[in-house]
């Protein structure tokens, strides 16, 4: 994905399925790393997210700051730690794929249909 983002930034070539908005961490991975929200400073859900970031490697000081900052380099390490934890719990990650449909039963995800992406962005099989 890094190469595709470089092509976008420097040569203005947009890869439809691989750009700033995609991949592990989404657009936040390529931001300046500021953690901001309009929900309210350290409200319950916001505090929970900040606590999880600390759990996986963010400095504890983000729990006290009004506008905490992680930075892309630190965020990448935190995301890898989160992925490792989830994989230990049996979660599978599929990189280089496009989600076609999410199956939901009883309010829970029961399956995901996806297609593998080729280098040129076309898809193969299910």
Foldseek 3Di string as FASTA:
>chain_A
DVVQQVCCVPVVDHDPADYCQDDQPGVCLVDQFKDDDPPDFCDPVVVVVVVLLVVQPADPCVSVDRIDGQGNVRVVSSSVSVVVVVVVVPDDDDPQKAWDDFDDDPNHTDDTDIFHADPSRDTDDD
